[in-house]
Amino acid sequence: MRIGPQGRAVIPASVRRQLGLRTGDTVAVRIDGGRLILERRQDVLERLQRRFDHVPRTRSLSKELLAERRLEARREAKR
């Protein structure tokens, strides 16, 4: 692969086929230890869902996080 004008890279057709990538698909991009990693967005979502499968559907981790942050902010304001 080569980096072209405007920093664009073309993923070879054989690699796209192996990964099941199609025109218009969204990919997630991240850097890990100097490596550029491209993943299908759907694969990332499925991995995250599996990671939190043990959390009951009735529990909201985002609400808990917000409540914790608000409590911390109130404590900081009192100092």
N, C-alpha and C. Protein backbone atom coordinates (compact mmCIF):
# COMPACT_ATOMS: atom_id res chain seq x y z
N MET A 1 0.84 -1.17 0.00
CA MET A 1 0.00 0.00 0.00
C MET A 1 0.88 1.23 0.00
N ARG A 2 0.41 2.23 -0.68
CA ARG A 2 1.08 3.52 -0.67
C ARG A 2 0.12 4.59 -0.20
N ILE A 3 0.68 5.58 0.40
CA ILE A 3 -0.11 6.73 0.80
C ILE A 3 -0.12 7.69 -0.38
N GLY A 4 -1.32 8.05 -0.82
CA GLY A 4 -1.47 8.91 -1.98
C GLY A 4 -1.68 10.37 -1.60
N PRO A 5 -2.07 11.14 -2.61
CA PRO A 5 -2.34 12.56 -2.35
C PRO A 5 -3.37 12.71 -1.23
N GLN A 6 -3.22 13.75 -0.47
CA GLN A 6 -4.12 14.07 0.64
C GLN A 6 -4.10 13.00 1.73
N GLY A 7 -3.04 12.19 1.77
CA GLY A 7 -2.90 11.18 2.82
C GLY A 7 -3.81 9.98 2.69
N ARG A 8 -4.36 9.77 1.52
CA ARG A 8 -5.31 8.67 1.34
C ARG A 8 -4.57 7.35 1.05
N ALA A 9 -5.14 6.28 1.60
CA ALA A 9 -4.61 4.94 1.36
C ALA A 9 -5.72 4.10 0.76
N VAL A 10 -5.38 3.30 -0.22
CA VAL A 10 -6.35 2.41 -0.85
C VAL A 10 -6.13 1.01 -0.29
N ILE A 11 -7.18 0.43 0.26
CA ILE A 11 -7.09 -0.93 0.79
C ILE A 11 -7.23 -1.89 -0.40
N PRO A 12 -6.25 -2.75 -0.62
CA PRO A 12 -6.31 -3.66 -1.77
C PRO A 12 -7.58 -4.52 -1.75
N ALA A 13 -8.08 -4.83 -2.94
CA ALA A 13 -9.32 -5.58 -3.09
C ALA A 13 -9.27 -6.92 -2.34
N SER A 14 -8.13 -7.61 -2.41
CA SER A 14 -8.03 -8.91 -1.74
C SER A 14 -8.19 -8.77 -0.22
N VAL A 15 -7.66 -7.69 0.35
CA VAL A 15 -7.80 -7.44 1.78
C VAL A 15 -9.23 -7.07 2.12
N ARG A 16 -9.84 -6.23 1.29
CA ARG A 16 -11.25 -5.86 1.52
C ARG A 16 -12.13 -7.10 1.50
N ARG A 17 -11.89 -8.00 0.57
CA ARG A 17 -12.69 -9.23 0.51
C ARG A 17 -12.51 -10.07 1.78
N GLN A 18 -11.27 -10.22 2.22
CA GLN A 18 -10.99 -11.02 3.42
C GLN A 18 -11.68 -10.43 4.65
N LEU A 19 -11.75 -9.11 4.71
CA LEU A 19 -12.36 -8.45 5.87
C LEU A 19 -13.86 -8.22 5.71
N GLY A 20 -14.37 -8.50 4.53
CA GLY A 20 -15.79 -8.29 4.28
C GLY A 20 -16.15 -6.82 4.17
N LEU A 21 -15.19 -5.99 3.74
CA LEU A 21 -15.45 -4.55 3.59
C LEU A 21 -16.06 -4.27 2.24
N ARG A 22 -17.06 -3.40 2.25
CA ARG A 22 -17.72 -3.00 1.01
C ARG A 22 -17.72 -1.49 0.89
N THR A 23 -17.92 -1.01 -0.30
CA THR A 23 -17.98 0.43 -0.53
C THR A 23 -19.03 1.05 0.40
N GLY A 24 -18.64 2.11 1.08
CA GLY A 24 -19.55 2.80 1.99
C GLY A 24 -19.50 2.31 3.43
N ASP A 25 -18.83 1.19 3.68
CA ASP A 25 -18.71 0.70 5.06
C ASP A 25 -17.94 1.71 5.90
N THR A 26 -18.25 1.73 7.19
CA THR A 26 -17.54 2.60 8.13
C THR A 26 -16.53 1.74 8.87
N VAL A 27 -15.32 2.27 8.99
CA VAL A 27 -14.29 1.57 9.74
C VAL A 27 -13.85 2.42 10.92
N ALA A 28 -13.45 1.76 11.98
CA ALA A 28 -12.88 2.43 13.15
C ALA A 28 -11.37 2.41 12.98
N VAL A 29 -10.74 3.50 13.33
CA VAL A 29 -9.29 3.64 13.19
C VAL A 29 -8.70 3.94 14.55
N ARG A 30 -7.62 3.23 14.89
CA ARG A 30 -6.93 3.52 16.13
C ARG A 30 -5.44 3.23 15.96
N ILE A 31 -4.66 3.80 16.85
CA ILE A 31 -3.22 3.59 16.84
C ILE A 31 -2.88 2.78 18.08
N ASP A 32 -2.09 1.73 17.89
CA ASP A 32 -1.70 0.86 19.00
C ASP A 32 -0.22 0.54 18.85
N GLY A 33 0.58 1.13 19.71
CA GLY A 33 2.02 0.84 19.69
C GLY A 33 2.67 1.15 18.36
N GLY A 34 2.31 2.25 17.74
CA GLY A 34 2.91 2.63 16.47
C GLY A 34 2.29 1.93 15.27
N ARG A 35 1.24 1.14 15.49
CA ARG A 35 0.55 0.47 14.41
C ARG A 35 -0.78 1.16 14.15
N LEU A 36 -1.16 1.25 12.90
CA LEU A 36 -2.46 1.78 12.52
C LEU A 36 -3.40 0.59 12.35
N ILE A 37 -4.50 0.60 13.08
CA ILE A 37 -5.44 -0.52 13.05
C ILE A 37 -6.77 -0.04 12.50
N LEU A 38 -7.24 -0.70 11.45
CA LEU A 38 -8.54 -0.43 10.86
C LEU A 38 -9.43 -1.63 11.15
N GLU A 39 -10.63 -1.37 11.66
CA GLU A 39 -11.57 -2.46 11.93
C GLU A 39 -12.95 -2.04 11.45
N ARG A 40 -13.71 -3.03 11.02
CA ARG A 40 -15.09 -2.73 10.66
C ARG A 40 -15.80 -2.22 11.90
N ARG A 41 -16.57 -1.16 11.74
CA ARG A 41 -17.29 -0.57 12.87
C ARG A 41 -18.18 -1.61 13.55
N GLN A 42 -18.82 -2.43 12.76
CA GLN A 42 -19.72 -3.45 13.30
C GLN A 42 -18.95 -4.43 14.19
N ASP A 43 -17.73 -4.79 13.79
CA ASP A 43 -16.93 -5.70 14.61
C ASP A 43 -16.57 -5.07 15.95
N VAL A 44 -16.26 -3.77 15.95
CA VAL A 44 -15.95 -3.06 17.19
C VAL A 44 -17.18 -3.05 18.10
N LEU A 45 -18.34 -2.73 17.54
CA LEU A 45 -19.57 -2.69 18.34
C LEU A 45 -19.88 -4.06 18.93
N GLU A 46 -19.74 -5.11 18.14
CA GLU A 46 -20.02 -6.46 18.64
C GLU A 46 -19.06 -6.85 19.75
N ARG A 47 -17.78 -6.47 19.61
CA ARG A 47 -16.80 -6.78 20.65
C ARG A 47 -17.14 -6.04 21.96
N LEU A 48 -17.55 -4.79 21.85
CA LEU A 48 -17.93 -4.03 23.05
C LEU A 48 -19.19 -4.61 23.69
N GLN A 49 -20.15 -5.02 22.87
CA GLN A 49 -21.36 -5.61 23.43
C GLN A 49 -21.04 -6.90 24.18
N ARG A 50 -20.16 -7.73 23.62
CA ARG A 50 -19.76 -8.96 24.32
C ARG A 50 -19.04 -8.63 25.63
N ARG A 51 -18.23 -7.58 25.60
CA ARG A 51 -17.46 -7.19 26.79
C ARG A 51 -18.37 -6.82 27.96
N PHE A 52 -19.53 -6.23 27.65
CA PHE A 52 -20.43 -5.79 28.70
C PHE A 52 -21.70 -6.64 28.79
N ASP A 53 -21.67 -7.82 28.21
CA ASP A 53 -22.82 -8.72 28.24
C ASP A 53 -23.24 -9.10 29.66
N HIS A 54 -22.30 -9.11 30.58
CA HIS A 54 -22.59 -9.52 31.96
C HIS A 54 -23.38 -8.46 32.73
N VAL A 55 -23.44 -7.24 32.19
CA VAL A 55 -24.15 -6.16 32.88
C VAL A 55 -25.65 -6.31 32.59
N PRO A 56 -26.46 -6.35 33.66
CA PRO A 56 -27.91 -6.48 33.44
C PRO A 56 -28.46 -5.33 32.58
N ARG A 57 -29.42 -5.64 31.74
CA ARG A 57 -30.01 -4.63 30.84
C ARG A 57 -30.71 -3.51 31.62
N THR A 58 -31.08 -3.79 32.86
CA THR A 58 -31.78 -2.79 33.66
C THR A 58 -30.81 -1.79 34.31
N ARG A 59 -29.52 -2.06 34.22
CA ARG A 59 -28.50 -1.19 34.82
C ARG A 59 -27.95 -0.24 33.76
N SER A 60 -27.80 1.03 34.12
CA SER A 60 -27.26 2.02 33.19
C SER A 60 -25.89 2.48 33.68
N LEU A 61 -24.84 1.99 33.02
CA LEU A 61 -23.49 2.37 33.41
C LEU A 61 -23.24 3.85 33.15
N SER A 62 -23.85 4.38 32.11
CA SER A 62 -23.65 5.81 31.81
C SER A 62 -24.29 6.68 32.88
N LYS A 63 -25.46 6.30 33.36
CA LYS A 63 -26.10 7.07 34.44
C LYS A 63 -25.27 7.00 35.72
N GLU A 64 -24.72 5.82 35.99
CA GLU A 64 -23.88 5.66 37.18
C GLU A 64 -22.62 6.53 37.07
N LEU A 65 -22.02 6.56 35.90
CA LEU A 65 -20.83 7.37 35.69
C LEU A 65 -21.14 8.86 35.87
N LEU A 66 -22.25 9.30 35.28
CA LEU A 66 -22.65 10.70 35.43
C LEU A 66 -22.89 11.06 36.89
N ALA A 67 -23.55 10.18 37.62
CA ALA A 67 -23.82 10.43 39.03
C ALA A 67 -22.51 10.53 39.82
N GLU A 68 -21.55 9.65 39.52
CA GLU A 68 -20.25 9.70 40.19
C GLU A 68 -19.53 11.00 39.88
N ARG A 69 -19.55 11.41 38.62
CA ARG A 69 -18.87 12.65 38.22
C ARG A 69 -19.50 13.87 38.87
N ARG A 70 -20.82 13.89 38.95
CA ARG A 70 -21.51 15.01 39.60
C ARG A 70 -21.15 15.08 41.08
N LEU A 71 -21.09 13.92 41.73
CA LEU A 71 -20.71 13.87 43.13
C LEU A 71 -19.28 14.38 43.32
N GLU A 72 -18.38 13.96 42.45
CA GLU A 72 -17.00 14.44 42.51
C GLU A 72 -16.93 15.95 42.31
N ALA A 73 -17.71 16.47 41.39
CA ALA A 73 -17.71 17.91 41.11
C ALA A 73 -18.20 18.69 42.33
N ARG A 74 -19.23 18.15 43.00
CA ARG A 74 -19.74 18.81 44.21
C ARG A 74 -18.68 18.81 45.31
N ARG A 75 -17.98 17.69 45.46
CA ARG A 75 -16.91 17.61 46.47
C ARG A 75 -15.79 18.60 46.16
N GLU A 76 -15.42 18.69 44.90
CA GLU A 76 -14.36 19.62 44.49
C GLU A 76 -14.77 21.07 44.74
N ALA A 77 -16.04 21.38 44.50
CA ALA A 77 -16.54 22.75 44.67
C ALA A 77 -16.51 23.17 46.13
N LYS A 78 -16.63 22.22 47.03
CA LYS A 78 -16.62 22.51 48.47
C LYS A 78 -15.22 22.78 49.01
N ARG A 79 -14.20 22.38 48.29
CA ARG A 79 -12.82 22.55 48.77
C ARG A 79 -12.36 23.96 48.70
